[in-house]
Amino acid sequence: MFGTGTILDVNPGAPEGEYHDLELLGHQVIICQGPDETRRCPLVENGACAMVDAADGVVFRLDLDDPYHRRMLRCYREQLGRTAPMHVVVAAGQERTHADLLEGLPVSVGEIGSGLGRFSSQVTMAAAARLVLSELATPGRPPGRLPVGDH
């Protein structure tokens, strides 16, 4: 089964193999380079981010030993709630060190690996739900008809 939906990969150095695998599964992948010395996270700083809003799922790959990255993860969890799946990829040992922050989230060490198929399916379901909800929420739109650009 081919996936649909947009995946936001939050990672300054996204592994090309996984990025390619997500695309092969039918997903559009957008990359967030994460914060650096000159750029902060708009979700943390302003409470909104266009890339997060566009995403049907998120792969979060930032170093959780950095306090700002932990703050980002908390903001992502709050923003996404239960409407979009998130998969967190951590460095070895961080799954134990930050277990409280990661509770309830799928976590992999180093790469998504075997969780890729499940994550892809969850993103596809989230994208379908978003489409249905947007169609229901648009007054005057004939059922089953979406204007160009809505999908």
C-alpha atoms as a PDB file:
ATOM      1  CA  MET A   1       0.000   0.000   0.000  1.00  0.00           C
ATOM      2  CA  PHE A   2       1.277   3.454  -0.905  1.00  0.00           C
ATOM      3  CA  GLY A   3       1.253   6.153   1.736  1.00  0.00           C
ATOM      4  CA  THR A   4       0.141   9.706   1.383  1.00  0.00           C
ATOM      5  CA  GLY A   5       0.682  12.740   3.519  1.00  0.00           C
ATOM      6  CA  THR A   6       3.464  15.113   4.370  1.00  0.00           C
ATOM      7  CA  ILE A   7       6.207  14.207   6.828  1.00  0.00           C
ATOM      8  CA  LEU A   8       8.253  16.862   8.566  1.00  0.00           C
ATOM      9  CA  ASP A   9      11.752  15.566   9.318  1.00  0.00           C
ATOM     10  CA  VAL A  10      13.268  17.760  12.038  1.00  0.00           C
ATOM     11  CA  ASN A  11      16.956  17.131  11.592  1.00  0.00           C
ATOM     12  CA  PRO A  12      19.906  19.205  10.488  1.00  0.00           C
ATOM     13  CA  GLY A  13      21.406  16.154   8.753  1.00  0.00           C
ATOM     14  CA  ALA A  14      18.551  13.872   7.713  1.00  0.00           C
ATOM     15  CA  PRO A  15      19.826  10.426   6.646  1.00  0.00           C
ATOM     16  CA  GLU A  16      19.222  10.258   2.917  1.00  0.00           C
ATOM     17  CA  GLY A  17      18.300   6.574   3.095  1.00  0.00           C
ATOM     18  CA  GLU A  18      15.328   7.075   5.403  1.00  0.00           C
ATOM     19  CA  TYR A  19      14.288  10.261   3.603  1.00  0.00           C
ATOM     20  CA  HIS A  20      14.313   8.303   0.343  1.00  0.00           C
ATOM     21  CA  ASP A  21      12.432   5.376   1.917  1.00  0.00           C
ATOM     22  CA  LEU A  22       9.670   7.725   3.101  1.00  0.00           C
ATOM     23  CA  GLU A  23       9.381   9.170  -0.393  1.00  0.00           C
ATOM     24  CA  LEU A  24       9.282   5.671  -1.906  1.00  0.00           C
ATOM     25  CA  LEU A  25       6.378   4.925   0.430  1.00  0.00           C
ATOM     26  CA  GLY A  26       4.515   7.817  -1.217  1.00  0.00           C
ATOM     27  CA  HIS A  27       5.071  10.632   1.270  1.00  0.00           C
ATOM     28  CA  GLN A  28       6.191  14.167   0.607  1.00  0.00           C
ATOM     29  CA  VAL A  29       9.079  14.889   2.990  1.00  0.00           C
ATOM     30  CA  ILE A  30      10.003  18.366   4.112  1.00  0.00           C
ATOM     31  CA  ILE A  31      13.153  18.982   6.117  1.00  0.00           C
ATOM     32  CA  CYS A  32      13.500  21.376   9.021  1.00  0.00           C
ATOM     33  CA  GLN A  33      17.170  22.093   9.652  1.00  0.00           C
ATOM     34  CA  GLY A  34      16.447  22.845  13.294  1.00  0.00           C
ATOM     35  CA  PRO A  35      17.755  25.751  15.314  1.00  0.00           C
ATOM     36  CA  ASP A  36      21.302  27.063  15.167  1.00  0.00           C
ATOM     37  CA  GLU A  37      23.231  30.138  16.308  1.00  0.00           C
ATOM     38  CA  THR A  38      21.183  32.448  14.069  1.00  0.00           C
ATOM     39  CA  ARG A  39      17.840  30.673  13.789  1.00  0.00           C
ATOM     40  CA  ARG A  40      15.398  29.651  16.533  1.00  0.00           C
ATOM     41  CA  CYS A  41      12.347  27.414  16.336  1.00  0.00           C
ATOM     42  CA  PRO A  42       9.245  29.442  15.394  1.00  0.00           C
ATOM     43  CA  LEU A  43       6.993  26.978  17.221  1.00  0.00           C
ATOM     44  CA  VAL A  44       8.888  27.599  20.470  1.00  0.00           C
ATOM     45  CA  GLU A  45       9.374  31.333  19.969  1.00  0.00           C
ATOM     46  CA  ASN A  46       6.043  32.313  18.366  1.00  0.00           C
ATOM     47  CA  GLY A  47       3.711  29.391  19.055  1.00  0.00           C
ATOM     48  CA  ALA A  48       3.278  28.621  15.358  1.00  0.00           C
ATOM     49  CA  CYS A  49       5.218  27.034  12.500  1.00  0.00           C
ATOM     50  CA  ALA A  50       4.056  26.669   8.900  1.00  0.00           C
ATOM     51  CA  MET A  51       6.035  23.437   8.476  1.00  0.00           C
ATOM     52  CA  VAL A  52       4.408  21.850  11.534  1.00  0.00           C
ATOM     53  CA  ASP A  53       0.987  23.017  10.330  1.00  0.00           C
ATOM     54  CA  ALA A  54       1.607  21.362   6.939  1.00  0.00           C
ATOM     55  CA  ALA A  55       2.785  18.064   8.426  1.00  0.00           C
ATOM     56  CA  ASP A  56       0.691  14.924   8.766  1.00  0.00           C
ATOM     57  CA  GLY A  57       3.508  13.346  10.780  1.00  0.00           C
ATOM     58  CA  VAL A  58       6.842  14.320  12.298  1.00  0.00           C
ATOM     59  CA  VAL A  59      10.196  12.601  12.661  1.00  0.00           C
ATOM     60  CA  PHE A  60      12.083  14.409  15.438  1.00  0.00           C
ATOM     61  CA  ARG A  61      15.856  13.798  15.410  1.00  0.00           C
ATOM     62  CA  LEU A  62      17.429  16.527  17.556  1.00  0.00           C
ATOM     63  CA  ASP A  63      19.811  15.981  20.469  1.00  0.00           C
ATOM     64  CA  LEU A  64      17.703  15.694  23.609  1.00  0.00           C
ATOM     65  CA  ASP A  65      20.698  16.477  25.805  1.00  0.00           C
ATOM     66  CA  ASP A  66      20.254  20.077  24.600  1.00  0.00           C
ATOM     67  CA  PRO A  67      17.658  21.896  26.784  1.00  0.00           C
ATOM     68  CA  TYR A  68      16.332  23.899  23.822  1.00  0.00           C
ATOM     69  CA  HIS A  69      15.734  20.713  21.826  1.00  0.00           C
ATOM     70  CA  ARG A  70      13.820  19.235  24.762  1.00  0.00           C
ATOM     71  CA  ARG A  71      11.717  22.400  24.850  1.00  0.00           C
ATOM     72  CA  MET A  72      11.084  21.988  21.127  1.00  0.00           C
ATOM     73  CA  LEU A  73       9.926  18.402  21.598  1.00  0.00           C
ATOM     74  CA  ARG A  74       7.492  19.510  24.309  1.00  0.00           C
ATOM     75  CA  CYS A  75       6.103  22.185  21.959  1.00  0.00           C
ATOM     76  CA  TYR A  76       5.746  19.673  19.127  1.00  0.00           C
ATOM     77  CA  ARG A  77       3.863  17.272  21.395  1.00  0.00           C
ATOM     78  CA  GLU A  78       1.552  20.060  22.533  1.00  0.00           C
ATOM     79  CA  GLN A  79       0.941  21.353  19.000  1.00  0.00           C
ATOM     80  CA  LEU A  80       0.361  17.950  17.392  1.00  0.00           C
ATOM     81  CA  GLY A  81      -1.578  16.414  20.241  1.00  0.00           C
ATOM     82  CA  ARG A  82      -3.107  13.213  18.977  1.00  0.00           C
ATOM     83  CA  THR A  83      -3.797  14.547  15.476  1.00  0.00           C
ATOM     84  CA  ALA A  84      -0.466  13.644  13.862  1.00  0.00           C
ATOM     85  CA  PRO A  85       1.955  10.830  14.647  1.00  0.00           C
ATOM     86  CA  MET A  86       5.466  11.601  15.796  1.00  0.00           C
ATOM     87  CA  HIS A  87       8.497   9.316  15.876  1.00  0.00           C
ATOM     88  CA  VAL A  88      11.552  10.360  17.877  1.00  0.00           C
ATOM     89  CA  VAL A  89      15.037   9.213  16.918  1.00  0.00           C
ATOM     90  CA  VAL A  90      17.614   9.583  19.696  1.00  0.00           C
ATOM     91  CA  ALA A  91      21.285   8.914  20.312  1.00  0.00           C
ATOM     92  CA  ALA A  92      22.140   5.806  22.342  1.00  0.00           C
ATOM     93  CA  GLY A  93      21.312   6.270  26.015  1.00  0.00           C
ATOM     94  CA  GLN A  94      18.928   9.191  25.503  1.00  0.00           C
ATOM     95  CA  GLU A  95      15.948   6.826  25.482  1.00  0.00           C
ATOM     96  CA  ARG A  96      16.745   6.139  29.165  1.00  0.00           C
ATOM     97  CA  THR A  97      18.008   9.589  30.189  1.00  0.00           C
ATOM     98  CA  HIS A  98      14.896  11.322  28.835  1.00  0.00           C
ATOM     99  CA  ALA A  99      12.360   8.527  29.360  1.00  0.00           C
ATOM    100  CA  ASP A 100       9.888  10.888  31.066  1.00  0.00           C
ATOM    101  CA  LEU A 101       9.876  13.280  28.085  1.00  0.00           C
ATOM    102  CA  LEU A 102       9.580  10.395  25.601  1.00  0.00           C
ATOM    103  CA  GLU A 103       6.813   8.550  27.426  1.00  0.00           C
ATOM    104  CA  GLY A 104       4.074   7.465  25.027  1.00  0.00           C
ATOM    105  CA  LEU A 105       6.090   8.210  21.879  1.00  0.00           C
ATOM    106  CA  PRO A 106       7.630   5.690  19.498  1.00  0.00           C
ATOM    107  CA  VAL A 107      11.397   5.990  19.949  1.00  0.00           C
ATOM    108  CA  SER A 108      14.278   4.542  17.950  1.00  0.00           C
ATOM    109  CA  VAL A 109      17.992   4.742  18.566  1.00  0.00           C
ATOM    110  CA  GLY A 110      19.976   6.033  15.576  1.00  0.00           C
ATOM    111  CA  GLU A 111      17.316   5.567  12.854  1.00  0.00           C
ATOM    112  CA  ILE A 112      13.646   4.675  12.497  1.00  0.00           C
ATOM    113  CA  GLY A 113      14.484   1.243  11.106  1.00  0.00           C
ATOM    114  CA  SER A 114      11.752  -1.316  11.671  1.00  0.00           C
ATOM    115  CA  GLY A 115       9.250   1.353  12.791  1.00  0.00           C
ATOM    116  CA  LEU A 116       9.197   2.948   9.338  1.00  0.00           C
ATOM    117  CA  GLY A 117       6.251   0.969   7.955  1.00  0.00           C
ATOM    118  CA  ARG A 118       4.054   1.592  10.980  1.00  0.00           C
ATOM    119  CA  PHE A 119       4.901   5.289  11.014  1.00  0.00           C
ATOM    120  CA  SER A 120       4.108   5.524   7.289  1.00  0.00           C
ATOM    121  CA  SER A 121       0.681   3.943   7.867  1.00  0.00           C
ATOM    122  CA  GLN A 122      -0.060   6.330  10.742  1.00  0.00           C
ATOM    123  CA  VAL A 123       0.861   9.330   8.589  1.00  0.00           C
ATOM    124  CA  THR A 124      -1.396   8.097   5.779  1.00  0.00           C
ATOM    125  CA  MET A 125      -4.307   7.766   8.216  1.00  0.00           C
ATOM    126  CA  ALA A 126      -3.627  11.227   9.675  1.00  0.00           C
ATOM    127  CA  ALA A 127      -3.553  12.750   6.166  1.00  0.00           C
ATOM    128  CA  ALA A 128      -6.877  11.094   5.292  1.00  0.00           C
ATOM    129  CA  ALA A 129      -8.457  12.309   8.535  1.00  0.00           C
ATOM    130  CA  ARG A 130      -7.232  15.862   7.915  1.00  0.00           C
ATOM    131  CA  LEU A 131      -8.704  15.785   4.406  1.00  0.00           C
ATOM    132  CA  VAL A 132     -12.091  14.564   5.643  1.00  0.00           C
ATOM    133  CA  LEU A 133     -12.183  17.114   8.462  1.00  0.00           C
ATOM    134  CA  SER A 134     -11.254  19.973   6.135  1.00  0.00           C
ATOM    135  CA  GLU A 135     -13.979  18.931   3.727  1.00  0.00           C
ATOM    136  CA  LEU A 136     -16.569  18.751   6.496  1.00  0.00           C
ATOM    137  CA  ALA A 137     -15.508  22.117   7.879  1.00  0.00           C
ATOM    138  CA  THR A 138     -15.868  24.012   4.599  1.00  0.00           C
ATOM    139  CA  PRO A 139     -19.399  25.422   4.266  1.00  0.00           C
ATOM    140  CA  GLY A 140     -20.923  25.325   0.817  1.00  0.00           C
ATOM    141  CA  ARG A 141     -18.463  22.797  -0.603  1.00  0.00           C
ATOM    142  CA  PRO A 142     -20.226  19.967  -2.442  1.00  0.00           C
ATOM    143  CA  PRO A 143     -19.472  16.580  -0.815  1.00  0.00           C
ATOM    144  CA  GLY A 144     -16.530  14.783  -2.364  1.00  0.00           C
ATOM    145  CA  ARG A 145     -15.280  17.835  -4.223  1.00  0.00           C
ATOM    146  CA  LEU A 146     -12.044  19.547  -3.293  1.00  0.00           C
ATOM    147  CA  PRO A 147     -10.805  22.675  -5.034  1.00  0.00           C
ATOM    148  CA  VAL A 148      -7.363  22.473  -6.605  1.00  0.00           C
ATOM    149  CA  GLY A 149      -4.710  23.212  -4.003  1.00  0.00           C
ATOM    150  CA  ASP A 150      -6.531  21.685  -1.029  1.00  0.00           C
ATOM    151  CA  HIS A 151      -4.703  18.402  -1.332  1.00  0.00           C
END
